[in-house]
Amino acid sequence: MNRLLYLFFLIPGFLLAQVHEFEQDSTDVQYIIIEGDSIPHTAINLNEVVLLHKLKFDSNEDRRRYLILRRKTIKVYPYAKLAAERLQTLNDRIDSIERKSDKKRYTKIIQKYIEEEFSEELKKLTRTEGQILVKLIHRQTGQTTFDLVKDLRSGWRAFWFNNTARLFDISLKEEFDPWNNKEDYLIEDILQRNFQSGRLEEQQSALDFDFLELTQKWLNEKDNP
């Protein structure tokens, strides 16, 4: 039996709705009349909500590690979301610029802006927070941090930044892979829970994966070691 179910919650307006039956072409049809809406409806669109499984830990140590991961993920996710938004803005703007020289000039302006916007805050991150951020940037943009630097600067710069990061045991080439990496799955679990609670603002992942399938996979592996 699935431990993760999709539930549908009625929109608040349904509480003010009334069902009326009309005859149409010799067939009785039920319409829903919603207060404040003059158009009859044959159905009401419902909001889809994922009912997450109850968290269970094998030990206090596992629980402690999850809570630490949750704190770090919640801290760095807004930076990954912002990076994705800035990248989209950059790409949209560049697509509208015809001259190559103007594109290059605009890219440099955005690079400087992003660096000034992020640099001071990113300096405060720990090594593990920095690595989680790298993974989440891949989740939000579909590109590794290494490739983003390479696209915006040059291959040599990307190489240099990657090797500098390695001094702190951070790889800019790290990908977000919740299907094969359990920590990445736990990060996704943390995100989904905080999207639902409203603590984090959801931004669609650029990667293609199904959280329901991910959860079933990891729960089955746990039940069948």
C-alpha atoms as a PDB file:
ATOM      1  CA  MET A   1       0.000   0.000   0.000  1.00  0.00           C
ATOM      2  CA  ASN A   2       1.455   3.378  -0.953  1.00  0.00           C
ATOM      3  CA  ARG A   3       2.739   5.419   1.937  1.00  0.00           C
ATOM      4  CA  LEU A   4       2.515   8.620  -0.053  1.00  0.00           C
ATOM      5  CA  LEU A   5      -0.869   9.700  -1.384  1.00  0.00           C
ATOM      6  CA  TYR A   6      -2.130  12.587  -3.475  1.00  0.00           C
ATOM      7  CA  LEU A   7      -5.019  14.376  -1.811  1.00  0.00           C
ATOM      8  CA  PHE A   8      -7.219  17.091  -3.211  1.00  0.00           C
ATOM      9  CA  PHE A   9      -8.562  19.878  -1.039  1.00  0.00           C
ATOM     10  CA  LEU A  10     -11.732  21.734  -1.982  1.00  0.00           C
ATOM     11  CA  ILE A  11     -11.324  25.396  -2.774  1.00  0.00           C
ATOM     12  CA  PRO A  12     -12.821  27.658  -0.083  1.00  0.00           C
ATOM     13  CA  GLY A  13     -15.486  28.855  -2.511  1.00  0.00           C
ATOM     14  CA  PHE A  14     -17.066  25.398  -2.475  1.00  0.00           C
ATOM     15  CA  LEU A  15     -18.384  26.196   0.974  1.00  0.00           C
ATOM     16  CA  LEU A  16     -20.535  28.863  -0.655  1.00  0.00           C
ATOM     17  CA  ALA A  17     -21.572  26.695  -3.600  1.00  0.00           C
ATOM     18  CA  GLN A  18     -25.017  25.281  -4.336  1.00  0.00           C
ATOM     19  CA  VAL A  19     -25.874  22.429  -6.684  1.00  0.00           C
ATOM     20  CA  HIS A  20     -28.762  22.999  -9.113  1.00  0.00           C
ATOM     21  CA  GLU A  21     -30.217  20.539 -11.593  1.00  0.00           C
ATOM     22  CA  PHE A  22     -31.210  21.698 -15.086  1.00  0.00           C
ATOM     23  CA  GLU A  23     -32.785  19.884 -17.997  1.00  0.00           C
ATOM     24  CA  GLN A  24     -30.686  20.074 -21.164  1.00  0.00           C
ATOM     25  CA  ASP A  25     -31.630  18.189 -24.346  1.00  0.00           C
ATOM     26  CA  SER A  26     -33.850  15.839 -22.326  1.00  0.00           C
ATOM     27  CA  THR A  27     -30.928  15.120 -19.995  1.00  0.00           C
ATOM     28  CA  ASP A  28     -30.747  16.286 -16.411  1.00  0.00           C
ATOM     29  CA  VAL A  29     -27.445  18.076 -15.783  1.00  0.00           C
ATOM     30  CA  GLN A  30     -26.193  19.198 -12.395  1.00  0.00           C
ATOM     31  CA  TYR A  31     -24.542  22.623 -12.243  1.00  0.00           C
ATOM     32  CA  ILE A  32     -22.708  24.161  -9.314  1.00  0.00           C
ATOM     33  CA  ILE A  33     -23.518  27.791  -8.609  1.00  0.00           C
ATOM     34  CA  ILE A  34     -20.775  29.579  -6.652  1.00  0.00           C
ATOM     35  CA  GLU A  35     -21.657  32.763  -4.793  1.00  0.00           C
ATOM     36  CA  GLY A  36     -20.174  35.758  -6.555  1.00  0.00           C
ATOM     37  CA  ASP A  37     -19.795  33.899  -9.865  1.00  0.00           C
ATOM     38  CA  SER A  38     -22.542  34.259 -12.462  1.00  0.00           C
ATOM     39  CA  ILE A  39     -21.271  31.335 -14.581  1.00  0.00           C
ATOM     40  CA  PRO A  40     -22.604  27.836 -13.682  1.00  0.00           C
ATOM     41  CA  HIS A  41     -19.942  25.121 -13.372  1.00  0.00           C
ATOM     42  CA  THR A  42     -20.207  21.380 -13.928  1.00  0.00           C
ATOM     43  CA  ALA A  43     -17.086  20.824 -11.821  1.00  0.00           C
ATOM     44  CA  ILE A  44     -14.813  22.643  -9.402  1.00  0.00           C
ATOM     45  CA  ASN A  45     -11.058  22.771  -9.901  1.00  0.00           C
ATOM     46  CA  LEU A  46      -9.238  21.502  -6.829  1.00  0.00           C
ATOM     47  CA  ASN A  47      -5.771  22.287  -5.566  1.00  0.00           C
ATOM     48  CA  GLU A  48      -3.398  19.331  -5.574  1.00  0.00           C
ATOM     49  CA  VAL A  49      -1.561  18.719  -2.309  1.00  0.00           C
ATOM     50  CA  VAL A  50       0.978  16.006  -1.541  1.00  0.00           C
ATOM     51  CA  LEU A  51       0.432  14.231   1.782  1.00  0.00           C
ATOM     52  CA  LEU A  52       3.929  13.547   3.048  1.00  0.00           C
ATOM     53  CA  HIS A  53       4.758  10.438   5.011  1.00  0.00           C
ATOM     54  CA  LYS A  54       5.450  10.682   8.732  1.00  0.00           C
ATOM     55  CA  LEU A  55       9.124  11.026   9.486  1.00  0.00           C
ATOM     56  CA  LYS A  56      10.672   8.073  11.303  1.00  0.00           C
ATOM     57  CA  PHE A  57      14.304   7.730  12.335  1.00  0.00           C
ATOM     58  CA  ASP A  58      16.259   4.602  13.195  1.00  0.00           C
ATOM     59  CA  SER A  59      18.248   6.419  15.876  1.00  0.00           C
ATOM     60  CA  ASN A  60      18.648   9.733  17.628  1.00  0.00           C
ATOM     61  CA  GLU A  61      21.787  10.279  15.562  1.00  0.00           C
ATOM     62  CA  ASP A  62      19.813   9.941  12.310  1.00  0.00           C
ATOM     63  CA  ARG A  63      17.275  12.398  13.649  1.00  0.00           C
ATOM     64  CA  ARG A  64      20.006  14.856  14.641  1.00  0.00           C
ATOM     65  CA  ARG A  65      21.615  14.661  11.192  1.00  0.00           C
ATOM     66  CA  TYR A  66      18.259  15.286   9.512  1.00  0.00           C
ATOM     67  CA  LEU A  67      17.582  18.348  11.665  1.00  0.00           C
ATOM     68  CA  ILE A  68      21.022  19.757  10.863  1.00  0.00           C
ATOM     69  CA  LEU A  69      20.454  19.120   7.157  1.00  0.00           C
ATOM     70  CA  ARG A  70      17.050  20.806   7.420  1.00  0.00           C
ATOM     71  CA  ARG A  71      18.512  23.910   9.021  1.00  0.00           C
ATOM     72  CA  LYS A  72      21.229  24.219   6.378  1.00  0.00           C
ATOM     73  CA  THR A  73      18.849  23.535   3.466  1.00  0.00           C
ATOM     74  CA  ILE A  74      16.349  26.155   4.629  1.00  0.00           C
ATOM     75  CA  LYS A  75      19.197  28.646   4.989  1.00  0.00           C
ATOM     76  CA  VAL A  76      20.676  28.263   1.487  1.00  0.00           C
ATOM     77  CA  TYR A  77      17.587  27.513  -0.639  1.00  0.00           C
ATOM     78  CA  PRO A  78      16.657  31.216  -1.047  1.00  0.00           C
ATOM     79  CA  TYR A  79      20.094  31.852  -2.588  1.00  0.00           C
ATOM     80  CA  ALA A  80      19.597  29.055  -5.134  1.00  0.00           C
ATOM     81  CA  LYS A  81      16.123  30.367  -5.956  1.00  0.00           C
ATOM     82  CA  LEU A  82      17.473  33.881  -6.409  1.00  0.00           C
ATOM     83  CA  ALA A  83      20.318  32.620  -8.596  1.00  0.00           C
ATOM     84  CA  ALA A  84      17.807  30.860 -10.865  1.00  0.00           C
ATOM     85  CA  GLU A  85      15.725  34.028 -11.134  1.00  0.00           C
ATOM     86  CA  ARG A  86      18.774  36.142 -11.973  1.00  0.00           C
ATOM     87  CA  LEU A  87      19.904  33.623 -14.574  1.00  0.00           C
ATOM     88  CA  GLN A  88      16.475  33.605 -16.213  1.00  0.00           C
ATOM     89  CA  THR A  89      16.451  37.399 -16.304  1.00  0.00           C
ATOM     90  CA  LEU A  90      19.923  37.389 -17.838  1.00  0.00           C
ATOM     91  CA  ASN A  91      19.004  34.846 -20.502  1.00  0.00           C
ATOM     92  CA  ASP A  92      15.761  36.619 -21.403  1.00  0.00           C
ATOM     93  CA  ARG A  93      17.564  39.926 -21.740  1.00  0.00           C
ATOM     94  CA  ILE A  94      20.456  38.505 -23.770  1.00  0.00           C
ATOM     95  CA  ASP A  95      18.026  36.825 -26.175  1.00  0.00           C
ATOM     96  CA  SER A  96      16.574  40.237 -26.954  1.00  0.00           C
ATOM     97  CA  ILE A  97      19.989  41.820 -27.667  1.00  0.00           C
ATOM     98  CA  GLU A  98      21.201  41.472 -31.234  1.00  0.00           C
ATOM     99  CA  ARG A  99      24.775  42.795 -31.175  1.00  0.00           C
ATOM    100  CA  LYS A 100      27.401  40.467 -29.732  1.00  0.00           C
ATOM    101  CA  SER A 101      29.321  43.336 -28.145  1.00  0.00           C
ATOM    102  CA  ASP A 102      26.174  44.547 -26.364  1.00  0.00           C
ATOM    103  CA  LYS A 103      25.500  41.025 -25.088  1.00  0.00           C
ATOM    104  CA  LYS A 104      29.028  40.822 -23.700  1.00  0.00           C
ATOM    105  CA  ARG A 105      28.730  44.231 -22.040  1.00  0.00           C
ATOM    106  CA  TYR A 106      25.376  43.364 -20.480  1.00  0.00           C
ATOM    107  CA  THR A 107      26.680  40.000 -19.237  1.00  0.00           C
ATOM    108  CA  LYS A 108      29.565  41.732 -17.435  1.00  0.00           C
ATOM    109  CA  ILE A 109      27.139  44.128 -15.776  1.00  0.00           C
ATOM    110  CA  ILE A 110      24.985  41.255 -14.534  1.00  0.00           C
ATOM    111  CA  GLN A 111      28.062  39.293 -13.377  1.00  0.00           C
ATOM    112  CA  LYS A 112      29.201  42.232 -11.272  1.00  0.00           C
ATOM    113  CA  TYR A 113      25.715  42.722  -9.876  1.00  0.00           C
ATOM    114  CA  ILE A 114      25.348  39.056  -8.926  1.00  0.00           C
ATOM    115  CA  GLU A 115      28.800  38.946  -7.319  1.00  0.00           C
ATOM    116  CA  GLU A 116      28.099  42.061  -5.256  1.00  0.00           C
ATOM    117  CA  GLU A 117      24.671  40.757  -4.298  1.00  0.00           C
ATOM    118  CA  PHE A 118      25.876  37.320  -3.205  1.00  0.00           C
ATOM    119  CA  SER A 119      29.506  37.632  -2.156  1.00  0.00           C
ATOM    120  CA  GLU A 120      29.159  38.939   1.392  1.00  0.00           C
ATOM    121  CA  GLU A 121      26.368  36.536   2.305  1.00  0.00           C
ATOM    122  CA  LEU A 122      28.071  33.530   0.730  1.00  0.00           C
ATOM    123  CA  LYS A 123      31.229  34.209   2.706  1.00  0.00           C
ATOM    124  CA  LYS A 124      29.222  33.408   5.835  1.00  0.00           C
ATOM    125  CA  LEU A 125      28.288  29.898   4.670  1.00  0.00           C
ATOM    126  CA  THR A 126      29.980  26.826   6.107  1.00  0.00           C
ATOM    127  CA  ARG A 127      31.527  24.179   3.843  1.00  0.00           C
ATOM    128  CA  THR A 128      28.487  21.912   4.028  1.00  0.00           C
ATOM    129  CA  GLU A 129      26.107  24.823   3.443  1.00  0.00           C
ATOM    130  CA  GLY A 130      28.152  25.806   0.402  1.00  0.00           C
ATOM    131  CA  GLN A 131      27.954  22.278  -1.015  1.00  0.00           C
ATOM    132  CA  ILE A 132      24.195  22.107  -0.456  1.00  0.00           C
ATOM    133  CA  LEU A 133      23.889  25.446  -2.247  1.00  0.00           C
ATOM    134  CA  VAL A 134      25.837  24.076  -5.220  1.00  0.00           C
ATOM    135  CA  LYS A 135      23.420  21.138  -5.419  1.00  0.00           C
ATOM    136  CA  LEU A 136      20.359  23.356  -5.132  1.00  0.00           C
ATOM    137  CA  ILE A 137      21.616  25.689  -7.857  1.00  0.00           C
ATOM    138  CA  HIS A 138      21.740  22.617 -10.106  1.00  0.00           C
ATOM    139  CA  ARG A 139      18.187  21.719  -8.974  1.00  0.00           C
ATOM    140  CA  GLN A 140      16.860  25.165  -9.787  1.00  0.00           C
ATOM    141  CA  THR A 141      18.748  25.919 -13.009  1.00  0.00           C
ATOM    142  CA  GLY A 142      19.493  22.505 -14.512  1.00  0.00           C
ATOM    143  CA  GLN A 143      23.163  23.499 -14.742  1.00  0.00           C
ATOM    144  CA  THR A 144      26.040  22.885 -12.356  1.00  0.00           C
ATOM    145  CA  THR A 145      27.670  25.893 -10.743  1.00  0.00           C
ATOM    146  CA  PHE A 146      30.839  25.015 -12.680  1.00  0.00           C
ATOM    147  CA  ASP A 147      28.989  25.227 -16.013  1.00  0.00           C
ATOM    148  CA  LEU A 148      27.289  28.480 -15.030  1.00  0.00           C
ATOM    149  CA  VAL A 149      30.648  30.048 -14.221  1.00  0.00           C
ATOM    150  CA  LYS A 150      32.069  28.631 -17.442  1.00  0.00           C
ATOM    151  CA  ASP A 151      29.228  30.113 -19.497  1.00  0.00           C
ATOM    152  CA  LEU A 152      29.401  33.508 -17.835  1.00  0.00           C
ATOM    153  CA  ARG A 153      33.154  33.781 -17.706  1.00  0.00           C
ATOM    154  CA  SER A 154      35.565  31.331 -19.304  1.00  0.00           C
ATOM    155  CA  GLY A 155      36.626  27.710 -19.020  1.00  0.00           C
ATOM    156  CA  TRP A 156      39.824  28.737 -17.215  1.00  0.00           C
ATOM    157  CA  ARG A 157      37.900  30.799 -14.682  1.00  0.00           C
ATOM    158  CA  ALA A 158      35.553  27.884 -14.030  1.00  0.00           C
ATOM    159  CA  PHE A 159      38.540  25.579 -13.536  1.00  0.00           C
ATOM    160  CA  TRP A 160      40.129  28.043 -11.139  1.00  0.00           C
ATOM    161  CA  PHE A 161      36.964  28.540  -9.109  1.00  0.00           C
ATOM    162  CA  ASN A 162      36.400  24.788  -8.926  1.00  0.00           C
ATOM    163  CA  ASN A 163      39.907  24.129  -7.635  1.00  0.00           C
ATOM    164  CA  THR A 164      39.638  26.983  -5.157  1.00  0.00           C
ATOM    165  CA  ALA A 165      36.390  25.475  -3.874  1.00  0.00           C
ATOM    166  CA  ARG A 166      38.150  22.139  -3.479  1.00  0.00           C
ATOM    167  CA  LEU A 167      40.398  23.736  -0.875  1.00  0.00           C
ATOM    168  CA  PHE A 168      37.233  23.819   1.212  1.00  0.00           C
ATOM    169  CA  ASP A 169      36.137  20.373  -0.001  1.00  0.00           C
ATOM    170  CA  ILE A 170      33.426  21.813  -2.255  1.00  0.00           C
ATOM    171  CA  SER A 171      32.941  20.691  -5.848  1.00  0.00           C
ATOM    172  CA  LEU A 172      31.238  23.161  -8.167  1.00  0.00           C
ATOM    173  CA  LYS A 173      30.501  20.244 -10.505  1.00  0.00           C
ATOM    174  CA  GLU A 174      28.281  18.541  -7.928  1.00  0.00           C
ATOM    175  CA  GLU A 175      24.813  17.654  -9.216  1.00  0.00           C
ATOM    176  CA  PHE A 176      21.526  17.238  -7.394  1.00  0.00           C
ATOM    177  CA  ASP A 177      20.623  13.561  -7.712  1.00  0.00           C
ATOM    178  CA  PRO A 178      17.822  12.549  -5.302  1.00  0.00           C
ATOM    179  CA  TRP A 179      17.306   9.241  -7.113  1.00  0.00           C
ATOM    180  CA  ASN A 180      20.767   7.877  -6.306  1.00  0.00           C
ATOM    181  CA  ASN A 181      21.927  10.033  -3.416  1.00  0.00           C
ATOM    182  CA  LYS A 182      19.958   9.656  -0.187  1.00  0.00           C
ATOM    183  CA  GLU A 183      21.106  12.980   1.220  1.00  0.00           C
ATOM    184  CA  ASP A 184      19.770  14.694  -1.902  1.00  0.00           C
ATOM    185  CA  TYR A 185      16.458  12.889  -1.422  1.00  0.00           C
ATOM    186  CA  LEU A 186      16.339  14.115   2.184  1.00  0.00           C
ATOM    187  CA  ILE A 187      17.021  17.649   0.937  1.00  0.00           C
ATOM    188  CA  GLU A 188      14.076  17.298  -1.452  1.00  0.00           C
ATOM    189  CA  ASP A 189      11.924  15.966   1.399  1.00  0.00           C
ATOM    190  CA  ILE A 190      12.880  19.004   3.474  1.00  0.00           C
ATOM    191  CA  LEU A 191      12.005  21.345   0.619  1.00  0.00           C
ATOM    192  CA  GLN A 192       8.605  19.742   0.020  1.00  0.00           C
ATOM    193  CA  ARG A 193       7.683  19.959   3.700  1.00  0.00           C
ATOM    194  CA  ASN A 194       8.669  23.615   3.895  1.00  0.00           C
ATOM    195  CA  PHE A 195       6.888  24.459   0.655  1.00  0.00           C
ATOM    196  CA  GLN A 196       3.703  23.069   2.161  1.00  0.00           C
ATOM    197  CA  SER A 197       4.176  24.884   5.476  1.00  0.00           C
ATOM    198  CA  GLY A 198       4.814  28.162   3.635  1.00  0.00           C
ATOM    199  CA  ARG A 199       8.219  28.660   5.207  1.00  0.00           C
ATOM    200  CA  LEU A 200       9.868  28.516   1.780  1.00  0.00           C
ATOM    201  CA  GLU A 201       8.477  29.887  -1.464  1.00  0.00           C
ATOM    202  CA  GLU A 202       8.331  27.105  -4.037  1.00  0.00           C
ATOM    203  CA  GLN A 203      10.149  27.463  -7.315  1.00  0.00           C
ATOM    204  CA  GLN A 204       9.731  24.704  -9.896  1.00  0.00           C
ATOM    205  CA  SER A 205      12.817  22.519 -10.228  1.00  0.00           C
ATOM    206  CA  ALA A 206      14.537  22.527 -13.614  1.00  0.00           C
ATOM    207  CA  LEU A 207      15.193  18.801 -13.166  1.00  0.00           C
ATOM    208  CA  ASP A 208      12.738  16.064 -14.089  1.00  0.00           C
ATOM    209  CA  PHE A 209      11.882  13.793 -11.169  1.00  0.00           C
ATOM    210  CA  ASP A 210       8.771  12.620  -9.339  1.00  0.00           C
ATOM    211  CA  PHE A 211       8.849  13.060  -5.562  1.00  0.00           C
ATOM    212  CA  LEU A 212       6.228  10.329  -5.088  1.00  0.00           C
ATOM    213  CA  GLU A 213       8.408   7.808  -6.916  1.00  0.00           C
ATOM    214  CA  LEU A 214      11.495   8.973  -5.036  1.00  0.00           C
ATOM    215  CA  THR A 215       9.820   8.450  -1.686  1.00  0.00           C
ATOM    216  CA  GLN A 216       8.559   5.000  -2.595  1.00  0.00           C
ATOM    217  CA  LYS A 217      12.042   4.029  -3.757  1.00  0.00           C
ATOM    218  CA  TRP A 218      13.811   5.131  -0.567  1.00  0.00           C
ATOM    219  CA  LEU A 219      11.122   3.737   1.754  1.00  0.00           C
ATOM    220  CA  ASN A 220      11.263   0.383  -0.038  1.00  0.00           C
ATOM    221  CA  GLU A 221      15.049   0.299   0.262  1.00  0.00           C
ATOM    222  CA  LYS A 222      14.728   0.987   3.960  1.00  0.00           C
ATOM    223  CA  ASP A 223      12.169  -1.796   4.439  1.00  0.00           C
ATOM    224  CA  ASN A 224      14.248  -4.228   2.360  1.00  0.00           C
ATOM    225  CA  PRO A 225      17.902  -3.702   3.273  1.00  0.00           C
END
